[in-house]
């Protein structure tokens, strides 16, 4: 009877020991996955910041071009004005 209990206890101890590294591996894998996800999020945030900076620069450039176009518009309007009416024929 004692030998059966000893074998059963040994088997239980081996089973517990076998399960422990698997749990540790899963925890380490989860930590590695979380670190990778944090790195990806940081990269995405940096990309979004760069895109916002580029968009702001493009908006500033577009505003400058619009101001140039507005300044040139009156000259273009004057050039497109119709010529004076022809003089009336002499009688």
Protein backbone atom coordinates (compact mmCIF):
# COMPACT_ATOMS: atom_id res chain seq x y z
CA UNK A 1 0.00 0.00 0.00
CA UNK A 2 2.83 2.38 0.81
CA UNK A 3 4.51 1.75 -2.50
CA UNK A 4 1.28 2.54 -4.38
CA UNK A 5 0.92 5.82 -2.49
CA UNK A 6 4.56 6.63 -3.14
CA UNK A 7 4.16 5.95 -6.86
CA UNK A 8 0.98 8.04 -7.02
CA UNK A 9 2.64 10.91 -5.16
CA UNK A 10 5.68 10.72 -7.43
CA UNK A 11 3.45 10.77 -10.52
CA UNK A 12 1.56 13.78 -9.17
CA UNK A 13 4.80 15.61 -8.40
CA UNK A 14 6.12 14.88 -11.90
CA UNK A 15 2.86 16.08 -13.44
CA UNK A 16 3.02 19.34 -11.48
CA UNK A 17 6.66 19.85 -12.38
CA UNK A 18 5.90 19.24 -16.04
CA UNK A 19 3.12 21.86 -16.00
CA UNK A 20 5.18 24.61 -14.40
CA UNK A 21 7.53 25.37 -17.34
CA UNK A 22 4.60 25.47 -19.74
CA UNK A 23 2.89 28.12 -17.63
CA UNK A 24 6.15 30.07 -17.44
CA UNK A 25 6.64 29.79 -21.20
CA UNK A 26 3.12 31.06 -21.81
CA UNK A 27 3.70 34.01 -19.49
CA UNK A 28 6.99 34.81 -21.23
CA UNK A 29 5.29 34.54 -24.63
CA UNK A 30 2.51 36.85 -23.48
CA UNK A 31 5.07 39.36 -22.20
CA UNK A 32 6.95 39.21 -25.51
CA UNK A 33 3.69 39.71 -27.41
CA UNK A 34 2.80 42.69 -25.24
CA UNK A 35 6.23 44.21 -25.83
CA UNK A 36 5.90 43.73 -29.59
CA UNK A 37 2.45 45.29 -29.52
CA UNK A 38 3.76 48.28 -27.58
CA UNK A 39 6.57 48.72 -30.11
CA UNK A 40 4.08 48.57 -32.97
CA UNK A 41 1.87 51.15 -31.26
CA UNK A 42 4.86 53.45 -30.73
CA UNK A 43 5.77 53.11 -34.42
CA UNK A 44 2.20 53.88 -35.42
CA UNK A 45 2.14 56.95 -33.20
CA UNK A 46 5.42 58.19 -34.69
CA UNK A 47 4.02 57.62 -38.19
CA UNK A 48 0.85 59.52 -37.30
CA UNK A 49 2.91 62.41 -35.91
CA UNK A 50 5.01 62.52 -39.08
CA UNK A 51 1.87 62.46 -41.22
CA UNK A 52 0.37 65.32 -39.20
CA UNK A 53 3.58 67.34 -39.61
CA UNK A 54 3.56 66.69 -43.37
CA UNK A 55 -0.10 67.66 -43.60
CA UNK A 56 0.52 70.91 -41.71
CA UNK A 57 3.42 71.76 -44.03
CA UNK A 58 1.30 71.02 -47.09
CA UNK A 59 -1.52 73.18 -45.73
CA UNK A 60 0.90 76.06 -45.16
CA UNK A 61 2.26 75.70 -48.69
CA UNK A 62 -1.26 75.59 -50.13
CA UNK A 63 -2.19 78.74 -48.20
CA UNK A 64 0.87 80.51 -49.62
CA UNK A 65 -0.02 79.44 -53.15
CA UNK A 66 -3.62 80.58 -52.63
CA UNK A 67 -2.40 84.01 -51.53
CA UNK A 68 -0.24 84.24 -54.67
CA UNK A 69 -3.21 83.25 -56.81
CA UNK A 70 -5.42 85.86 -55.14
CA UNK A 71 -2.79 88.55 -55.73
CA UNK A 72 -2.56 87.63 -59.42
CA UNK A 73 -6.33 87.48 -59.91
CA UNK A 74 -7.01 91.27 -60.26
CA UNK A 75 -4.36 91.56 -62.97
CA UNK A 76 -5.87 88.64 -64.81
CA UNK A 77 -9.35 90.17 -64.47
CA UNK A 78 -8.14 93.49 -65.93
CA UNK A 79 -6.47 91.74 -68.83
CA UNK A 80 -9.66 89.88 -69.61
CA UNK A 81 -11.81 93.03 -69.62
CA UNK A 82 -13.50 93.72 -72.94
CA UNK A 83 -11.96 96.35 -75.19
CA UNK A 84 -13.59 99.75 -75.42
CA UNK A 85 -16.59 100.00 -77.70
CA UNK A 86 -15.73 101.07 -81.23
CA UNK A 87 -16.24 104.69 -82.02
CA UNK A 88 -19.42 105.67 -83.82
CA UNK A 89 -19.02 106.18 -87.57
CA UNK A 90 -18.57 109.72 -88.66
CA UNK A 91 -21.63 111.23 -90.23
